[in-house]
Protein backbone atom coordinates (compact mmCIF):
# COMPACT_ATOMS: atom_id res chain seq x y z
CA UNK A 1 94.62 144.15 178.94
CA UNK A 2 91.89 143.31 176.43
CA UNK A 3 90.71 144.53 173.04
CA UNK A 4 88.12 146.85 174.56
CA UNK A 5 90.60 148.75 176.74
CA UNK A 6 91.47 150.90 173.72
CA UNK A 7 88.02 152.49 173.82
CA UNK A 8 86.76 155.13 176.22
CA UNK A 9 84.33 153.69 178.79
CA UNK A 10 80.64 154.28 178.10
CA UNK A 11 77.86 153.81 180.61
CA UNK A 12 74.94 151.47 180.02
CA UNK A 13 72.54 154.41 179.98
CA UNK A 14 74.58 156.16 177.29
CA UNK A 15 74.47 152.98 175.20
CA UNK A 16 70.70 152.74 175.64
CA UNK A 17 70.18 156.29 174.48
CA UNK A 18 72.43 155.75 171.48
CA UNK A 19 70.60 152.55 170.51
CA UNK A 20 67.16 154.14 170.89
CA UNK A 21 68.26 157.00 168.66
CA UNK A 22 69.83 154.80 165.98
CA UNK A 23 67.01 152.24 165.91
CA UNK A 24 64.32 154.91 166.33
CA UNK A 25 62.67 153.09 169.23
CA UNK A 26 61.29 154.28 172.55
CA UNK A 27 62.35 151.31 174.69
CA UNK A 28 65.20 148.80 174.65
CA UNK A 29 63.38 146.03 176.55
CA UNK A 30 62.32 144.40 173.28
CA UNK A 31 65.97 143.75 172.48
CA UNK A 32 66.08 141.12 175.23
CA UNK A 33 65.39 137.54 174.20
CA UNK A 34 65.10 134.07 175.71
CA UNK A 35 67.33 131.07 175.09
CA UNK A 36 67.48 127.55 176.48
CA UNK A 37 70.15 128.77 178.90
CA UNK A 38 68.43 131.94 180.12
CA UNK A 39 67.19 135.41 179.28
CA UNK A 40 69.74 137.53 177.43
CA UNK A 41 69.92 141.30 177.76
CA UNK A 42 72.41 142.60 175.16
CA UNK A 43 72.78 145.89 177.04
CA UNK A 44 73.53 144.64 180.52
CA UNK A 45 76.89 144.29 182.17
CA UNK A 46 77.58 141.25 184.33
CA UNK A 47 79.19 141.07 187.73
CA UNK A 48 80.45 137.49 187.39
CA UNK A 49 82.86 136.42 184.65
CA UNK A 50 83.30 132.85 183.48
CA UNK A 51 86.71 131.50 184.42
CA UNK A 52 88.36 129.67 181.53
CA UNK A 53 91.86 128.36 181.06
CA UNK A 54 94.47 130.25 179.09
CA UNK A 55 93.63 130.68 175.41
CA UNK A 56 95.75 128.48 173.16
CA UNK A 57 96.96 129.65 169.75
CA UNK A 58 95.36 128.12 166.68
CA UNK A 59 97.79 125.63 165.09
CA UNK A 60 96.26 123.26 162.57
CA UNK A 61 94.26 123.40 159.36
CA UNK A 62 93.12 119.79 159.07
CA UNK A 63 91.64 117.81 156.20
CA UNK A 64 89.54 114.73 156.90
CA UNK A 65 90.27 111.50 154.99
CA UNK A 66 88.21 108.32 155.18
CA UNK A 67 87.54 105.27 153.02
CA UNK A 68 85.92 107.44 150.34
CA UNK A 69 88.82 109.78 149.63
CA UNK A 70 92.03 108.38 151.12
CA UNK A 71 94.90 108.06 148.69
CA UNK A 72 98.47 109.23 148.47
CA UNK A 73 97.53 111.59 145.63
CA UNK A 74 94.70 113.20 147.60
CA UNK A 75 96.87 113.69 150.69
CA UNK A 76 99.64 115.31 148.66
CA UNK A 77 97.18 117.56 146.83
CA UNK A 78 95.67 118.84 150.06
CA UNK A 79 99.10 119.47 151.56
CA UNK A 80 99.95 121.50 148.44
CA UNK A 81 96.74 123.46 148.99
CA UNK A 82 98.10 124.66 152.31
CA UNK A 83 96.80 122.36 155.06
CA UNK A 84 99.28 121.32 157.75
CA UNK A 85 97.33 118.48 159.37
CA UNK A 86 95.64 115.28 158.20
CA UNK A 87 92.91 113.30 159.93
CA UNK A 88 92.65 109.66 158.86
CA UNK A 89 89.40 108.00 159.98
CA UNK A 90 89.31 104.20 159.93
CA UNK A 91 91.84 104.06 157.13
CA UNK A 92 94.08 101.06 156.55
CA UNK A 93 97.81 101.78 156.32
CA UNK A 94 99.55 100.63 153.15
CA UNK A 95 103.08 101.02 151.85
CA UNK A 96 102.26 103.79 149.38
CA UNK A 97 99.94 105.93 151.49
CA UNK A 98 102.65 108.35 152.67
CA UNK A 99 104.94 108.41 149.63
CA UNK A 100 106.58 111.88 149.49
CA UNK A 101 104.54 112.99 152.52
CA UNK A 102 106.74 114.80 155.05
CA UNK A 103 104.99 113.45 158.13
CA UNK A 104 107.56 114.97 160.46
CA UNK A 105 106.45 118.54 159.64
CA UNK A 106 102.68 118.01 159.64
CA UNK A 107 100.24 116.79 162.27
CA UNK A 108 99.00 113.23 161.83
CA UNK A 109 95.73 112.25 163.52
CA UNK A 110 94.55 108.64 163.32
CA UNK A 111 91.04 107.72 164.48
CA UNK A 112 90.03 104.07 164.69
CA UNK A 113 87.07 102.08 165.97
CA UNK A 114 86.30 98.46 166.82
CA UNK A 115 85.55 97.58 163.19
CA UNK A 116 89.27 97.75 162.33
CA UNK A 117 90.96 94.35 162.51
CA UNK A 118 93.86 93.64 164.84
CA UNK A 119 96.51 93.55 162.10
CA UNK A 120 95.62 97.00 160.77
CA UNK A 121 95.57 98.39 164.27
CA UNK A 122 99.05 96.95 164.83
CA UNK A 123 100.23 98.45 161.54
CA UNK A 124 99.25 101.90 162.76
CA UNK A 125 100.72 101.59 166.24
CA UNK A 126 103.97 100.19 164.80
CA UNK A 127 104.14 103.09 162.35
CA UNK A 128 103.65 105.63 165.15
CA UNK A 129 106.09 103.88 167.51
CA UNK A 130 108.87 103.83 164.91
CA UNK A 131 108.68 107.59 164.26
CA UNK A 132 109.47 109.49 167.41
CA UNK A 133 109.44 112.87 165.61
CA UNK A 134 105.76 112.61 164.68
CA UNK A 135 103.16 115.07 165.94
CA UNK A 136 99.53 114.08 166.26
CA UNK A 137 97.26 111.55 167.90
CA UNK A 138 96.03 107.98 167.84
CA UNK A 139 92.51 108.03 169.22
CA UNK A 140 89.17 106.29 169.50
CA UNK A 141 85.76 106.93 171.04
CA UNK A 142 83.81 103.75 171.90
CA UNK A 143 80.93 105.73 173.45
CA UNK A 144 80.36 107.59 170.19
CA UNK A 145 80.41 104.22 168.41
CA UNK A 146 77.66 102.91 170.72
CA UNK A 147 75.39 105.92 170.21
CA UNK A 148 75.87 105.92 166.44
CA UNK A 149 74.76 102.30 166.36
CA UNK A 150 71.62 102.85 168.43
CA UNK A 151 70.15 105.31 170.92
CA UNK A 152 67.74 102.72 172.31
CA UNK A 153 69.76 99.50 172.52
CA UNK A 154 72.77 100.59 174.51
CA UNK A 155 75.77 98.26 174.57
CA UNK A 156 78.42 98.14 177.27
CA UNK A 157 81.63 100.06 176.57
CA UNK A 158 84.09 97.80 174.78
CA UNK A 159 87.46 97.78 176.59
CA UNK A 160 89.45 96.30 173.67
CA UNK A 161 90.78 99.54 172.19
CA UNK A 162 91.66 100.90 175.64
CA UNK A 163 93.66 97.76 176.44
CA UNK A 164 95.17 97.48 172.95
CA UNK A 165 96.43 101.09 172.96
CA UNK A 166 97.81 100.79 176.46
CA UNK A 167 99.79 97.71 175.45
CA UNK A 168 100.83 98.41 171.86
CA UNK A 169 101.27 102.18 171.61
CA UNK A 170 104.61 103.02 173.22
CA UNK A 171 104.76 106.55 171.77
CA UNK A 172 102.95 108.12 174.70
CA UNK A 173 102.68 111.53 173.03
CA UNK A 174 100.10 110.01 170.65
CA UNK A 175 97.86 108.69 173.44
CA UNK A 176 94.80 110.93 173.80
CA UNK A 177 91.27 110.86 175.17
CA UNK A 178 88.79 111.62 172.40
CA UNK A 179 85.29 112.97 172.98
CA UNK A 180 83.62 113.20 169.61
CA UNK A 181 81.13 115.92 170.45
CA UNK A 182 80.03 116.05 166.79
CA UNK A 183 77.30 113.57 167.70
CA UNK A 184 75.77 116.00 170.21
CA UNK A 185 76.20 118.97 167.87
CA UNK A 186 74.23 117.05 165.26
CA UNK A 187 71.57 115.71 167.63
CA UNK A 188 70.89 118.81 169.76
CA UNK A 189 69.83 122.38 169.01
CA UNK A 190 70.32 123.73 172.57
CA UNK A 191 73.95 124.64 173.16
CA UNK A 192 73.80 124.17 176.93
CA UNK A 193 72.58 120.59 176.48
CA UNK A 194 75.26 119.95 173.89
CA UNK A 195 78.15 120.94 176.16
CA UNK A 196 76.59 119.12 179.13
CA UNK A 197 76.58 115.84 177.23
CA UNK A 198 80.15 116.38 176.06
CA UNK A 199 81.17 116.84 179.68
CA UNK A 200 79.23 113.73 180.74
CA UNK A 201 80.85 111.83 177.86
CA UNK A 202 84.32 112.83 179.07
CA UNK A 203 83.46 111.97 182.68
CA UNK A 204 82.27 108.51 181.64
CA UNK A 205 85.45 107.92 179.62
CA UNK A 206 87.70 108.90 182.52
CA UNK A 207 85.73 106.65 184.86
CA UNK A 208 86.24 103.76 182.43
CA UNK A 209 90.02 104.32 182.37
CA UNK A 210 89.99 104.17 186.16
CA UNK A 211 87.82 101.05 186.15
CA UNK A 212 90.34 99.34 183.85
CA UNK A 213 93.20 100.61 186.05
CA UNK A 214 94.90 102.21 183.03
CA UNK A 215 97.03 105.35 182.95
CA UNK A 216 94.89 108.28 181.81
CA UNK A 217 96.36 110.16 178.80
CA UNK A 218 97.59 113.67 179.41
CA UNK A 219 95.53 115.30 176.68
CA UNK A 220 91.80 115.48 176.04
CA UNK A 221 90.59 116.19 172.51
CA UNK A 222 87.07 117.55 172.29
CA UNK A 223 85.54 117.62 168.81
CA UNK A 224 82.63 119.99 168.28
CA UNK A 225 80.68 121.37 165.38
CA UNK A 226 80.07 125.09 164.96
CA UNK A 227 77.24 126.97 163.28
CA UNK A 228 77.19 130.29 161.42
CA UNK A 229 76.39 132.25 164.60
CA UNK A 230 79.70 133.90 165.50
CA UNK A 231 78.80 135.19 168.96
CA UNK A 232 77.04 132.02 170.09
CA UNK A 233 79.94 129.93 168.77
CA UNK A 234 82.38 131.98 170.85
CA UNK A 235 80.18 131.56 173.91
CA UNK A 236 79.89 127.81 173.33
CA UNK A 237 83.65 127.39 173.07
CA UNK A 238 84.22 129.36 176.27
CA UNK A 239 81.47 127.58 178.19
CA UNK A 240 82.70 124.19 177.02
CA UNK A 241 86.27 124.93 178.11
CA UNK A 242 85.10 126.00 181.55
CA UNK A 243 82.95 122.90 182.12
CA UNK A 244 85.55 120.46 180.75
CA UNK A 245 88.13 122.07 183.01
CA UNK A 246 85.85 121.52 185.97
CA UNK A 247 85.33 117.85 185.08
CA UNK A 248 89.09 117.30 184.81
CA UNK A 249 89.73 119.01 188.15
CA UNK A 250 86.94 117.07 189.84
CA UNK A 251 88.40 113.82 188.53
CA UNK A 252 91.86 114.92 189.72
CA UNK A 253 93.31 114.26 186.27
CA UNK A 254 96.37 116.08 184.97
CA UNK A 255 95.42 116.69 181.35
CA UNK A 256 95.35 119.56 178.88
CA UNK A 257 92.37 120.35 176.66
CA UNK A 258 92.52 120.63 172.86
CA UNK A 259 89.46 121.72 170.91
CA UNK A 260 88.98 120.40 167.39
CA UNK A 261 86.27 122.30 165.52
CA UNK A 262 84.44 121.76 162.27
CA UNK A 263 81.26 123.06 160.68
CA UNK A 264 78.04 121.33 161.78
CA UNK A 265 77.51 118.85 158.93
CA UNK A 266 73.72 118.85 159.39
CA UNK A 267 73.60 122.58 158.54
CA UNK A 268 75.40 122.45 155.20
CA UNK A 269 72.81 123.78 152.78
CA UNK A 270 72.09 121.74 149.63
CA UNK A 271 70.71 124.86 147.89
CA UNK A 272 72.63 127.94 146.77
CA UNK A 273 75.80 126.36 148.07
CA UNK A 274 77.97 129.44 147.62
CA UNK A 275 76.43 130.81 150.83
CA UNK A 276 78.03 127.90 152.69
CA UNK A 277 81.42 129.54 152.14
CA UNK A 278 80.35 132.43 154.35
CA UNK A 279 79.07 130.04 156.99
CA UNK A 280 82.33 128.09 157.02
CA UNK A 281 84.26 131.37 157.30
CA UNK A 282 82.21 132.49 160.30
CA UNK A 283 82.68 129.14 162.05
CA UNK A 284 86.42 129.17 161.37
CA UNK A 285 86.69 132.73 162.72
CA UNK A 286 85.01 131.59 165.94
CA UNK A 287 87.39 128.63 166.25
CA UNK A 288 90.47 130.84 165.85
CA UNK A 289 89.27 133.67 168.11
CA UNK A 290 87.83 131.28 170.69
CA UNK A 291 91.06 129.34 171.20
CA UNK A 292 90.52 126.08 169.32
CA UNK A 293 93.72 124.33 168.26
CA UNK A 294 92.48 123.10 164.89
CA UNK A 295 89.69 123.47 162.35
CA UNK A 296 88.78 120.49 160.22
CA UNK A 297 87.79 120.70 156.55
CA UNK A 298 86.43 117.93 154.35
CA UNK A 299 85.29 117.10 150.83
CA UNK A 300 81.60 117.64 151.68
CA UNK A 301 82.27 121.34 152.22
CA UNK A 302 83.17 121.87 148.56
CA UNK A 303 80.61 123.52 146.29
CA UNK A 304 81.63 121.31 143.38
CA UNK A 305 84.00 118.41 142.84
CA UNK A 306 87.60 118.97 141.89
CA UNK A 307 90.83 120.21 143.40
CA UNK A 308 90.03 123.86 142.63
CA UNK A 309 87.12 123.83 145.08
CA UNK A 310 89.17 122.00 147.69
CA UNK A 311 91.73 124.77 147.41
CA UNK A 312 88.99 127.37 147.87
CA UNK A 313 87.91 125.65 151.11
CA UNK A 314 91.51 125.36 152.35
CA UNK A 315 92.02 129.07 151.66
CA UNK A 316 89.35 130.09 154.20
CA UNK A 317 91.46 129.47 157.34
CA UNK A 318 94.68 130.36 155.53
CA UNK A 319 93.41 133.86 154.69
CA UNK A 320 91.95 134.35 158.17
CA UNK A 321 95.28 133.44 159.73
CA UNK A 322 97.67 135.20 157.37
CA UNK A 323 95.72 138.32 156.43
CA UNK A 324 93.21 138.93 159.23
CA UNK A 325 95.63 138.50 162.17
CA UNK A 326 93.03 136.73 164.28
CA UNK A 327 95.44 134.25 165.82
CA UNK A 328 96.45 136.16 168.93
CA UNK A 329 97.50 135.02 172.38
CA UNK A 330 95.31 137.84 173.69
CA UNK A 331 91.77 136.84 174.55
CA UNK A 332 89.86 139.07 172.14
CA UNK A 333 86.55 138.18 173.78
CA UNK A 334 87.46 139.18 177.32
CA UNK A 335 85.58 142.30 178.29
CA UNK A 336 82.86 141.93 175.64
CA UNK A 337 79.89 141.99 178.02
CA UNK A 338 77.40 140.42 175.63
CA UNK A 339 79.59 137.40 174.86
CA UNK A 340 80.59 137.12 178.53
CA UNK A 341 76.89 137.01 179.43
CA UNK A 342 76.17 134.31 176.85
CA UNK A 343 79.17 132.29 178.03
CA UNK A 344 78.33 132.48 181.72
CA UNK A 345 74.66 131.59 181.32
CA UNK A 346 75.42 128.80 178.86
CA UNK A 347 78.01 127.30 181.20
CA UNK A 348 75.75 127.63 184.27
CA UNK A 349 72.84 125.92 182.53
CA UNK A 350 75.14 123.31 180.99
CA UNK A 351 76.58 122.45 184.41
CA UNK A 352 73.06 121.93 185.79
CA UNK A 353 72.26 119.55 182.94
CA UNK A 354 75.57 117.76 183.50
CA UNK A 355 74.80 117.24 187.20
CA UNK A 356 71.34 115.93 186.28
CA UNK A 357 72.97 113.32 184.03
CA UNK A 358 75.43 112.36 186.74
CA UNK A 359 72.57 112.00 189.25
CA UNK A 360 71.28 109.23 186.97
CA UNK A 361 74.60 107.39 187.53
CA UNK A 362 76.32 108.85 184.47
CA UNK A 363 75.86 109.03 180.73
CA UNK A 364 75.60 105.32 179.94
CA UNK A 365 72.96 104.65 182.60
CA UNK A 366 71.14 107.79 181.48
CA UNK A 367 71.08 106.38 177.95
CA UNK A 368 70.07 102.87 179.06
CA UNK A 369 67.08 104.37 180.87
CA UNK A 370 65.88 105.81 177.55
CA UNK A 371 66.49 109.40 178.64
CA UNK A 372 69.07 110.14 175.92
CA UNK A 373 66.72 108.96 173.19
CA UNK A 374 63.82 111.01 174.52
CA UNK A 375 66.07 114.07 174.77
CA UNK A 376 67.21 113.56 171.18
CA UNK A 377 63.63 113.22 169.93
CA UNK A 378 62.66 116.46 171.66
CA UNK A 379 65.73 118.29 170.36
CA UNK A 380 65.23 117.10 166.79
CA UNK A 381 61.62 118.30 166.87
CA UNK A 382 62.74 121.66 168.24
CA UNK A 383 65.42 121.98 165.56
CA UNK A 384 62.90 121.24 162.81
CA UNK A 385 60.44 123.74 164.26
CA UNK A 386 63.11 126.45 164.39
CA UNK A 387 63.98 125.85 160.75
CA UNK A 388 60.33 126.01 159.79
CA UNK A 389 59.39 129.08 161.81
CA UNK A 390 62.51 131.19 161.29
CA UNK A 391 64.28 132.51 158.21
CA UNK A 392 67.85 132.48 159.41
CA UNK A 393 69.54 130.34 156.73
CA UNK A 394 70.13 132.46 153.64
CA UNK A 395 69.64 130.45 150.48
CA UNK A 396 67.63 127.76 152.23
CA UNK A 397 64.69 129.14 154.19
CA UNK A 398 65.17 132.85 153.47
CA UNK A 399 66.19 135.05 150.53
CA UNK A 400 66.36 132.03 148.26
CA UNK A 401 66.12 131.91 144.48
CA UNK A 402 66.04 128.13 144.46
CA UNK A 403 63.14 126.31 142.86
CA UNK A 404 63.56 123.50 145.36
CA UNK A 405 60.68 123.19 147.81
CA UNK A 406 61.56 122.57 151.44
CA UNK A 407 59.26 119.89 152.86
CA UNK A 408 59.21 119.93 156.66
CA UNK A 409 56.89 116.93 156.74
CA UNK A 410 59.31 114.53 155.07
CA UNK A 411 60.54 111.52 157.00
CA UNK A 412 64.10 112.27 158.00
CA UNK A 413 67.04 110.48 159.51
CA UNK A 414 68.29 111.06 163.07
CA UNK A 415 70.03 113.39 163.11
CA UNK A 416 68.45 115.03 160.09
CA UNK A 417 70.35 117.17 157.59
CA UNK A 418 69.08 120.11 155.58
CA UNK A 419 69.41 117.88 152.52
CA UNK A 420 66.77 115.55 154.01
CA UNK A 421 64.16 118.29 153.69
CA UNK A 422 64.56 118.82 149.94
């Protein structure tokens, strides 16, 4: 049973006549449009349906802490604001960090990279090992670290964190595979490419575990950024789940999938910032409806500094969960032909891109051949062109009262942010 079963069935022809009458048009063909993953007809039904795993309930409202904002006071304040999960990124553990923090009733996620010294790594693993009632993860993503350093000079994957975690972390529930898909969200504009590279990233990571002859963790965390497009977000989540599932089955790995969503940081508008609240709300709705396990918030999402604005941000998922009743075990998308069509075509195109990467001997060889960098350059140009030629970001390139002038010819970083264009 799905959400749409409550409505009387209506034929496609009846829908077309209704749309032509309401829109005062003679034909519906102009409603079709092209995407990177195929031609989309909003009025057509589809014969094939994308097979995804069972939808998981949304569980965690997470706040991100790093070297710029980590303190015991800040953690306590955010917990008081209603979050139930903390994400500590390359943070050193000290004796006062968790004073009065009830770690046993929240989720604790610790992300590290190779820049953290051995002693601090040991401090974290010892802390996790000593507390068997903890919920959360200890994770790392060396491939992300390589690509953030350079897209042209590609290093070999560093095995140190794999070997260290296997030896030192005895609390096996905290061992996870992390694919930080944020990098592809930020670098690419085409959703099918984005999910293809996440799948290739996971495949490369699993291959590296096998190469090192290490036990593969039983949970895969996929981080991904979402935009303000609700329907495309839902399709992306569904397509990603389907492709990741296929990679796991192909690799004969027994692991569950957890999706960790946030808002695409490159699309946070520096002008008329109050509109960002609506964008964050749309992305969070997609995460909850689509079956993500957590949605991550951070200080950069706040309109102004101060705890009041952090509370406003934290209230977005709280209100959606407690007042909008979106967190259902029922797949609310199933049976929605338009979203099913987007999902299926996005997954089909993404799988083709994934196989093309694998035909080049995998993600790292693909990158070493310069193909990743050329893809990024093309995608960044396409993203800039879309911003310039469309008016889809209210308060930035459409319906804006700002005196700021957007300069599309400015030299920008890779990936570029909206703030780079001001």
